[in-house]
PDB file of N, CA and C in Angstrom:
ATOM      1  N   MET A   1      -8.126   4.492   7.787  1.00  0.00           N
ATOM      2  CA  MET A   1      -8.497   3.457   6.438  1.00  0.00           C
ATOM      3  C   MET A   1      -9.248   3.787   5.350  1.00  0.00           C
ATOM      4  N   SER A   2     -10.692   4.164   5.857  1.00  0.00           N
ATOM      5  CA  SER A   2     -11.595   3.901   4.878  1.00  0.00           C
ATOM      6  C   SER A   2     -11.648   6.038   3.878  1.00  0.00           C
ATOM      7  N   ASP A   3     -10.674   6.507   4.910  1.00  0.00           N
ATOM      8  CA  ASP A   3     -10.172   7.889   3.614  1.00  0.00           C
ATOM      9  C   ASP A   3      -9.053   7.276   2.469  1.00  0.00           C
ATOM     10  N   PHE A   4      -8.390   6.312   3.115  1.00  0.00           N
ATOM     11  CA  PHE A   4      -7.573   5.882   1.833  1.00  0.00           C
ATOM     12  C   PHE A   4      -7.849   5.352   1.086  1.00  0.00           C
ATOM     13  N   LEU A   5      -9.286   3.848   0.885  1.00  0.00           N
ATOM     14  CA  LEU A   5      -9.783   2.995   0.462  1.00  0.00           C
ATOM     15  C   LEU A   5     -10.760   4.147  -0.434  1.00  0.00           C
ATOM     16  N   ALA A   6     -11.414   4.990  -0.116  1.00  0.00           N
ATOM     17  CA  ALA A   6     -12.074   6.323  -0.686  1.00  0.00           C
ATOM     18  C   ALA A   6     -11.213   6.793  -1.852  1.00  0.00           C
ATOM     19  N   LYS A   7      -9.916   7.041  -1.396  1.00  0.00           N
ATOM     20  CA  LYS A   7      -8.827   8.072  -2.259  1.00  0.00           C
ATOM     21  C   LYS A   7      -8.540   6.747  -3.289  1.00  0.00           C
ATOM     22  N   ALA A   8      -8.392   5.636  -2.953  1.00  0.00           N
ATOM     23  CA  ALA A   8      -7.618   4.472  -3.608  1.00  0.00           C
ATOM     24  C   ALA A   8      -8.603   4.198  -4.956  1.00  0.00           C
ATOM     25  N   LYS A   9     -10.194   4.300  -4.837  1.00  0.00           N
ATOM     26  CA  LYS A   9     -10.917   3.347  -5.298  1.00  0.00           C
ATOM     27  C   LYS A   9     -11.456   4.650  -6.619  1.00  0.00           C
ATOM     28  N   ALA A  10     -11.397   6.097  -5.998  1.00  0.00           N
ATOM     29  CA  ALA A  10     -11.701   7.112  -6.610  1.00  0.00           C
ATOM     30  C   ALA A  10     -10.159   7.009  -7.837  1.00  0.00           C
ATOM     31  N   ASN A  11      -8.942   6.874  -7.262  1.00  0.00           N
ATOM     32  CA  ASN A  11      -7.751   6.864  -8.663  1.00  0.00           C
ATOM     33  C   ASN A  11      -8.017   5.900  -9.142  1.00  0.00           C
ATOM     34  N   ARG A  12      -7.626   4.757  -8.518  1.00  0.00           N
ATOM     35  CA  ARG A  12      -7.329   3.015  -9.227  1.00  0.00           C
ATOM     36  C   ARG A  12      -8.166   2.350  -8.949  1.00  0.00           C
ATOM     37  N   PRO A  13      -9.355   2.097  -9.211  1.00  0.00           N
ATOM     38  CA  PRO A  13     -10.037   1.117  -8.568  1.00  0.00           C
ATOM     39  C   PRO A  13      -9.772   0.219  -8.432  1.00  0.00           C
ATOM     40  N   ARG A  14      -9.082  -0.763  -9.894  1.00  0.00           N
ATOM     41  CA  ARG A  14      -9.000  -1.731  -9.860  1.00  0.00           C
ATOM     42  C   ARG A  14      -8.224  -1.961  -8.796  1.00  0.00           C
ATOM     43  N   ALA A  15      -7.206  -1.406  -8.283  1.00  0.00           N
ATOM     44  CA  ALA A  15      -6.038  -1.903  -7.176  1.00  0.00           C
ATOM     45  C   ALA A  15      -6.346  -1.278  -5.698  1.00  0.00           C
ATOM     46  N   ALA A  16      -7.654  -1.192  -5.517  1.00  0.00           N
ATOM     47  CA  ALA A  16      -8.155  -0.670  -4.342  1.00  0.00           C
ATOM     48  C   ALA A  16      -9.226  -2.011  -3.811  1.00  0.00           C
ATOM     49  N   SER A  17      -9.253  -3.335  -3.718  1.00  0.00           N
ATOM     50  CA  SER A  17      -8.956  -4.163  -3.058  1.00  0.00           C
ATOM     51  C   SER A  17      -9.137  -3.616  -1.774  1.00  0.00           C
ATOM     52  N   LYS A  18     -10.150  -4.097  -1.053  1.00  0.00           N
ATOM     53  CA  LYS A  18     -10.546  -4.648   0.454  1.00  0.00           C
ATOM     54  C   LYS A  18      -9.216  -4.447   1.603  1.00  0.00           C
ATOM     55  N   GLU A  19      -9.134  -6.364   1.143  1.00  0.00           N
ATOM     56  CA  GLU A  19      -7.806  -6.963   1.165  1.00  0.00           C
ATOM     57  C   GLU A  19      -6.781  -6.586   1.066  1.00  0.00           C
ATOM     58  N   LEU A  20      -6.495  -5.986   0.318  1.00  0.00           N
ATOM     59  CA  LEU A  20      -5.001  -5.347  -0.141  1.00  0.00           C
ATOM     60  C   LEU A  20      -4.718  -4.116   0.756  1.00  0.00           C
ATOM     61  N   VAL A  21      -5.804  -3.149   1.167  1.00  0.00           N
ATOM     62  CA  VAL A  21      -5.934  -2.407   1.513  1.00  0.00           C
ATOM     63  C   VAL A  21      -5.835  -2.697   3.479  1.00  0.00           C
ATOM     64  N   GLU A  22      -6.250  -3.927   3.845  1.00  0.00           N
ATOM     65  CA  GLU A  22      -6.327  -4.040   4.430  1.00  0.00           C
ATOM     66  C   GLU A  22      -4.373  -4.225   4.889  1.00  0.00           C
ATOM     67  N   LEU A  23      -3.923  -4.902   4.151  1.00  0.00           N
ATOM     68  CA  LEU A  23      -2.651  -5.383   4.091  1.00  0.00           C
ATOM     69  C   LEU A  23      -1.841  -4.180   4.307  1.00  0.00           C
ATOM     70  N   LEU A  24      -2.203  -3.305   3.437  1.00  0.00           N
ATOM     71  CA  LEU A  24      -0.958  -1.643   3.768  1.00  0.00           C
ATOM     72  C   LEU A  24      -1.602  -1.180   5.277  1.00  0.00           C
ATOM     73  N   PHE A  25      -2.420  -1.933   5.507  1.00  0.00           N
ATOM     74  CA  PHE A  25      -2.468  -0.959   6.969  1.00  0.00           C
ATOM     75  C   PHE A  25      -1.754  -1.612   8.078  1.00  0.00           C
ATOM     76  N   TYR A  26      -1.655  -2.895   7.773  1.00  0.00           N
ATOM     77  CA  TYR A  26      -1.123  -3.896   8.912  1.00  0.00           C
ATOM     78  C   TYR A  26       0.597  -3.726   8.834  1.00  0.00           C
ATOM     79  N   ARG A  27       0.692  -2.918   8.200  1.00  0.00           N
ATOM     80  CA  ARG A  27       2.486  -2.665   7.789  1.00  0.00           C
ATOM     81  C   ARG A  27       2.096  -1.336   7.609  1.00  0.00           C
ATOM     82  N   PRO A  28       3.750  -0.956   7.519  1.00  0.00           N
ATOM     83  CA  PRO A  28       3.571   0.859   7.034  1.00  0.00           C
ATOM     84  C   PRO A  28       4.477   0.517   5.810  1.00  0.00           C
ATOM     85  N   TYR A  29       4.364  -0.688   5.728  1.00  0.00           N
ATOM     86  CA  TYR A  29       5.207  -0.871   4.132  1.00  0.00           C
ATOM     87  C   TYR A  29       4.737  -2.055   3.719  1.00  0.00           C
ATOM     88  N   CYS A  30       4.358  -2.372   2.282  1.00  0.00           N
ATOM     89  CA  CYS A  30       4.258  -3.072   1.843  1.00  0.00           C
ATOM     90  C   CYS A  30       5.071  -3.776   0.377  1.00  0.00           C
ATOM     91  N   LYS A  31       5.452  -5.198   0.280  1.00  0.00           N
ATOM     92  CA  LYS A  31       6.032  -5.579  -1.500  1.00  0.00           C
ATOM     93  C   LYS A  31       5.401  -6.471  -2.426  1.00  0.00           C
ATOM     94  N   ILE A  32       5.747  -6.459  -3.381  1.00  0.00           N
ATOM     95  CA  ILE A  32       4.763  -7.559  -3.885  1.00  0.00           C
ATOM     96  C   ILE A  32       4.574  -9.113  -3.768  1.00  0.00           C
ATOM     97  N   GLN A  33       5.750  -9.518  -2.618  1.00  0.00           N
ATOM     98  CA  GLN A  33       5.464 -10.836  -2.334  1.00  0.00           C
ATOM     99  C   GLN A  33       4.806 -11.112  -0.978  1.00  0.00           C
ATOM    100  N   PHE A  34       4.266  -9.300  -0.345  1.00  0.00           N
ATOM    101  CA  PHE A  34       3.484  -9.739   0.551  1.00  0.00           C
ATOM    102  C   PHE A  34       2.249  -9.943   0.300  1.00  0.00           C
ATOM    103  N   LEU A  35       1.994  -9.326  -1.093  1.00  0.00           N
ATOM    104  CA  LEU A  35       0.394  -9.677  -1.621  1.00  0.00           C
ATOM    105  C   LEU A  35       0.730 -10.796  -2.649  1.00  0.00           C
ATOM    106  N   ALA A  36       1.916 -11.935  -2.846  1.00  0.00           N
ATOM    107  CA  ALA A  36       1.517 -13.057  -3.244  1.00  0.00           C
ATOM    108  C   ALA A  36       1.367 -14.048  -2.064  1.00  0.00           C
ATOM    109  N   ASP A  37       2.172 -14.175  -1.190  1.00  0.00           N
ATOM    110  CA  ASP A  37       2.216 -14.870  -0.203  1.00  0.00           C
ATOM    111  C   ASP A  37       0.680 -14.906   0.553  1.00  0.00           C
ATOM    112  N   SER A  38       0.179 -13.667   0.371  1.00  0.00           N
ATOM    113  CA  SER A  38      -1.722 -14.031   1.304  1.00  0.00           C
ATOM    114  C   SER A  38      -2.042 -14.315   0.262  1.00  0.00           C
ATOM    115  N   GLY A  39      -1.994 -14.386  -1.108  1.00  0.00           N
ATOM    116  CA  GLY A  39      -2.713 -14.673  -1.623  1.00  0.00           C
ATOM    117  C   GLY A  39      -3.791 -13.727  -2.110  1.00  0.00           C
ATOM    118  N   ILE A  40      -3.769 -12.507  -1.978  1.00  0.00           N
ATOM    119  CA  ILE A  40      -4.285 -11.319  -3.272  1.00  0.00           C
ATOM    120  C   ILE A  40      -4.155 -10.897  -4.433  1.00  0.00           C
ATOM    121  N   ALA A  41      -2.824 -11.037  -4.702  1.00  0.00           N
ATOM    122  CA  ALA A  41      -2.844 -11.565  -6.121  1.00  0.00           C
ATOM    123  C   ALA A  41      -1.468 -11.989  -6.256  1.00  0.00           C
ATOM    124  N   LYS A  42      -1.471 -12.283  -7.776  1.00  0.00           N
ATOM    125  CA  LYS A  42      -0.017 -12.694  -8.336  1.00  0.00           C
ATOM    126  C   LYS A  42       0.900 -11.861  -8.606  1.00  0.00           C
ATOM    127  N   ARG A  43       2.476 -12.143  -8.928  1.00  0.00           N
ATOM    128  CA  ARG A  43       3.822 -11.212  -8.986  1.00  0.00           C
ATOM    129  C   ARG A  43       3.219 -10.078 -10.072  1.00  0.00           C
ATOM    130  N   GLN A  44       2.557 -10.197 -10.965  1.00  0.00           N
ATOM    131  CA  GLN A  44       2.305  -9.272 -11.564  1.00  0.00           C
ATOM    132  C   GLN A  44       1.391  -8.268 -11.519  1.00  0.00           C
ATOM    133  N   THR A  45       0.302  -9.298 -11.258  1.00  0.00           N
ATOM    134  CA  THR A  45      -0.930  -8.221 -10.479  1.00  0.00           C
ATOM    135  C   THR A  45      -0.449  -7.491  -9.498  1.00  0.00           C
ATOM    136  N   ALA A  46      -0.119  -7.826  -8.787  1.00  0.00           N
ATOM    137  CA  ALA A  46       0.552  -7.025  -7.317  1.00  0.00           C
ATOM    138  C   ALA A  46       1.715  -5.981  -7.659  1.00  0.00           C
ATOM    139  N   SER A  47       2.304  -5.755  -8.405  1.00  0.00           N
ATOM    140  CA  SER A  47       3.371  -5.298  -8.815  1.00  0.00           C
ATOM    141  C   SER A  47       2.493  -4.344  -9.714  1.00  0.00           C
ATOM    142  N   ASN A  48       1.630  -4.457 -10.687  1.00  0.00           N
ATOM    143  CA  ASN A  48       0.558  -3.158 -11.306  1.00  0.00           C
ATOM    144  C   ASN A  48       0.338  -2.465 -10.456  1.00  0.00           C
ATOM    145  N   ASP A  49      -0.935  -3.307  -9.350  1.00  0.00           N
ATOM    146  CA  ASP A  49      -1.245  -3.074  -8.037  1.00  0.00           C
ATOM    147  C   ASP A  49      -0.618  -1.817  -7.450  1.00  0.00           C
ATOM    148  N   LEU A  50       0.834  -2.028  -6.979  1.00  0.00           N
ATOM    149  CA  LEU A  50       1.256  -0.679  -5.869  1.00  0.00           C
ATOM    150  C   LEU A  50       1.383  -0.433  -7.016  1.00  0.00           C
ATOM    151  N   LYS A  51       1.745  -0.341  -8.057  1.00  0.00           N
ATOM    152  CA  LYS A  51       2.369   0.626  -8.889  1.00  0.00           C
ATOM    153  C   LYS A  51       1.339   1.711  -9.588  1.00  0.00           C
ATOM    154  N   GLN A  52       0.259   1.592  -9.871  1.00  0.00           N
ATOM    155  CA  GLN A  52      -1.067   2.171  -9.544  1.00  0.00           C
ATOM    156  C   GLN A  52      -1.208   3.390  -8.248  1.00  0.00           C
ATOM    157  N   LEU A  53      -0.976   2.851  -7.152  1.00  0.00           N
ATOM    158  CA  LEU A  53      -1.551   3.244  -5.953  1.00  0.00           C
ATOM    159  C   LEU A  53      -0.373   4.038  -5.549  1.00  0.00           C
ATOM    160  N   ALA A  54       1.000   3.981  -6.266  1.00  0.00           N
ATOM    161  CA  ALA A  54       1.550   4.959  -5.801  1.00  0.00           C
ATOM    162  C   ALA A  54       2.091   5.766  -6.663  1.00  0.00           C
ATOM    163  N   ASP A  55       1.190   5.804  -7.911  1.00  0.00           N
ATOM    164  CA  ASP A  55       1.313   6.760  -9.466  1.00  0.00           C
ATOM    165  C   ASP A  55       0.224   7.710  -8.894  1.00  0.00           C
ATOM    166  N   ALA A  56      -0.986   6.988  -7.737  1.00  0.00           N
ATOM    167  CA  ALA A  56      -2.088   8.168  -7.632  1.00  0.00           C
ATOM    168  C   ALA A  56      -1.665   8.886  -6.433  1.00  0.00           C
ATOM    169  N   ASP A  57      -0.124   8.446  -5.811  1.00  0.00           N
ATOM    170  CA  ASP A  57       0.065   9.484  -4.382  1.00  0.00           C
ATOM    171  C   ASP A  57      -0.092   8.587  -3.342  1.00  0.00           C
ATOM    172  N   LEU A  58      -0.757   7.419  -3.015  1.00  0.00           N
ATOM    173  CA  LEU A  58      -1.206   6.886  -1.854  1.00  0.00           C
ATOM    174  C   LEU A  58      -0.061   6.253  -1.382  1.00  0.00           C
ATOM    175  N   LEU A  59       0.972   5.471  -2.461  1.00  0.00           N
ATOM    176  CA  LEU A  59       1.964   5.069  -1.725  1.00  0.00           C
ATOM    177  C   LEU A  59       3.544   5.327  -1.976  1.00  0.00           C
ATOM    178  N   LYS A  60       4.476   5.434  -1.752  1.00  0.00           N
ATOM    179  CA  LYS A  60       6.059   5.729  -2.557  1.00  0.00           C
ATOM    180  C   LYS A  60       6.819   5.021  -2.417  1.00  0.00           C
ATOM    181  N   PRO A  61       7.566   4.350  -3.604  1.00  0.00           N
ATOM    182  CA  PRO A  61       8.114   2.954  -4.194  1.00  0.00           C
ATOM    183  C   PRO A  61       9.215   3.861  -3.324  1.00  0.00           C
ATOM    184  N   VAL A  62      10.177   2.890  -2.777  1.00  0.00           N
ATOM    185  CA  VAL A  62      11.380   2.596  -2.504  1.00  0.00           C
ATOM    186  C   VAL A  62      11.963   1.712  -3.017  1.00  0.00           C
ATOM    187  N   ILE A  63      13.527   1.998  -3.506  1.00  0.00           N
ATOM    188  CA  ILE A  63      14.134   0.742  -3.536  1.00  0.00           C
ATOM    189  C   ILE A  63      14.921   0.652  -3.176  1.00  0.00           C
ATOM    190  N   VAL A  64      15.426  -1.122  -2.159  1.00  0.00           N
ATOM    191  CA  VAL A  64      16.175  -1.530  -1.610  1.00  0.00           C
ATOM    192  C   VAL A  64      16.371  -2.835  -1.742  1.00  0.00           C
ATOM    193  N   GLY A  65      17.895  -2.438  -1.977  1.00  0.00           N
ATOM    194  CA  GLY A  65      18.648  -3.307  -2.768  1.00  0.00           C
ATOM    195  C   GLY A  65      17.655  -3.818  -3.837  1.00  0.00           C
ATOM    196  N   ARG A  66      17.259  -4.748  -3.965  1.00  0.00           N
ATOM    197  CA  ARG A  66      16.943  -5.355  -5.490  1.00  0.00           C
ATOM    198  C   ARG A  66      15.309  -5.568  -5.821  1.00  0.00           C
ATOM    199  N   GLU A  67      14.497  -4.777  -4.280  1.00  0.00           N
ATOM    200  CA  GLU A  67      13.626  -4.793  -4.182  1.00  0.00           C
ATOM    201  C   GLU A  67      12.830  -3.532  -4.031  1.00  0.00           C
ATOM    202  N   MET A  68      11.493  -3.619  -4.592  1.00  0.00           N
ATOM    203  CA  MET A  68      10.859  -1.923  -4.521  1.00  0.00           C
ATOM    204  C   MET A  68       9.617  -2.501  -2.857  1.00  0.00           C
ATOM    205  N   LEU A  69       9.627  -1.414  -2.113  1.00  0.00           N
ATOM    206  CA  LEU A  69       8.863  -1.720  -1.448  1.00  0.00           C
ATOM    207  C   LEU A  69       7.993  -0.448  -1.107  1.00  0.00           C
ATOM    208  N   CYS A  70       7.011  -0.008  -1.003  1.00  0.00           N
ATOM    209  CA  CYS A  70       6.050   0.612  -0.966  1.00  0.00           C
ATOM    210  C   CYS A  70       5.604   1.025   0.456  1.00  0.00           C
ATOM    211  N   VAL A  71       6.007   2.077   1.016  1.00  0.00           N
ATOM    212  CA  VAL A  71       6.102   2.820   1.743  1.00  0.00           C
ATOM    213  C   VAL A  71       4.106   3.484   1.651  1.00  0.00           C
ATOM    214  N   ASN A  72       3.094   3.218   3.135  1.00  0.00           N
ATOM    215  CA  ASN A  72       2.524   3.972   3.138  1.00  0.00           C
ATOM    216  C   ASN A  72       2.531   5.387   4.302  1.00  0.00           C
ATOM    217  N   HIS A  73       3.293   6.108   3.768  1.00  0.00           N
ATOM    218  CA  HIS A  73       3.539   7.388   4.798  1.00  0.00           C
ATOM    219  C   HIS A  73       1.998   8.062   5.488  1.00  0.00           C
ATOM    220  N   GLY A  74       1.190   7.581   5.040  1.00  0.00           N
ATOM    221  CA  GLY A  74       0.200   8.515   6.193  1.00  0.00           C
ATOM    222  C   GLY A  74      -0.297   7.454   7.528  1.00  0.00           C
ATOM    223  N   ILE A  75       0.202   6.103   7.115  1.00  0.00           N
ATOM    224  CA  ILE A  75       0.120   5.165   8.702  1.00  0.00           C
ATOM    225  C   ILE A  75       1.041   5.107   9.055  1.00  0.00           C
ATOM    226  N   LEU A  76       2.591   5.404   8.340  1.00  0.00           N
ATOM    227  CA  LEU A  76       3.824   6.137   9.017  1.00  0.00           C
ATOM    228  C   LEU A  76       3.590   7.245   9.780  1.00  0.00           C
ATOM    229  N   ASN A  77       3.246   8.190   9.274  1.00  0.00           N
ATOM    230  CA  ASN A  77       2.498   9.741   9.722  1.00  0.00           C
ATOM    231  C   ASN A  77       2.406   9.227  10.976  1.00  0.00           C
ATOM    232  N   LEU A  78       1.064   8.473  10.894  1.00  0.00           N
ATOM    233  CA  LEU A  78       0.123   8.232  12.459  1.00  0.00           C
ATOM    234  C   LEU A  78       0.728   7.656  13.655  1.00  0.00           C
ATOM    235  N   LEU A  79       1.720   6.685  12.872  1.00  0.00           N
ATOM    236  CA  LEU A  79       2.378   5.997  14.103  1.00  0.00           C
ATOM    237  C   LEU A  79       3.626   6.600  14.379  1.00  0.00           C
ATOM    238  N   SER A  80       4.066   7.555  13.727  1.00  0.00           N
ATOM    239  CA  SER A  80       4.874   8.057  15.260  1.00  0.00           C
ATOM    240  C   SER A  80       4.748   9.356  15.396  1.00  0.00           C
ATOM    241  N   ARG A  81       3.766   9.583  15.577  1.00  0.00           N
ATOM    242  CA  ARG A  81       3.110  11.321  15.634  1.00  0.00           C
ATOM    243  C   ARG A  81       3.352  10.317  16.996  1.00  0.00           C
ATOM    244  N   PRO A  82       3.482  12.120  18.171  1.00  0.00           N
ATOM    245  CA  PRO A  82       3.261  11.176  19.939  1.00  0.00           C
ATOM    246  C   PRO A  82       2.271  11.481  20.374  1.00  0.00           C
ATOM    247  N   ASN A  83       2.042  10.740  20.994  1.00  0.00           N
ATOM    248  CA  ASN A  83       0.729  10.269  21.996  1.00  0.00           C
ATOM    249  C   ASN A  83       0.395  12.143  22.844  1.00  0.00           C
ATOM    250  N   ILE A  84       0.004  13.105  22.358  1.00  0.00           N
ATOM    251  CA  ILE A  84      -0.755  13.932  23.323  1.00  0.00           C
ATOM    252  C   ILE A  84      -1.570  13.972  23.481  1.00  0.00           C
ATOM    253  N   ASP A  85      -1.867  14.465  25.485  1.00  0.00           N
ATOM    254  CA  ASP A  85      -3.386  14.499  25.822  1.00  0.00           C
ATOM    255  C   ASP A  85      -3.439  15.319  25.865  1.00  0.00           C
TER     256      ASP A  85
END
């Protein structure tokens, strides 16, 4: 999470709030409504923030129906790796 936050601040400082990054690590995907519901940002600001993080290659936008989901592939890869001891 700290690496993601550092990359986000280096590339897109406006979109790199700690609350937003924590929400992105709560689930492997995020949508505008999650940010609006949590009070982190209004819809337009949330849309811009997620787009900036996608432009910085930190999230991958995926269109599902009428909504855009932003997938955090870094955390998704960590969650899907087998635990080998």
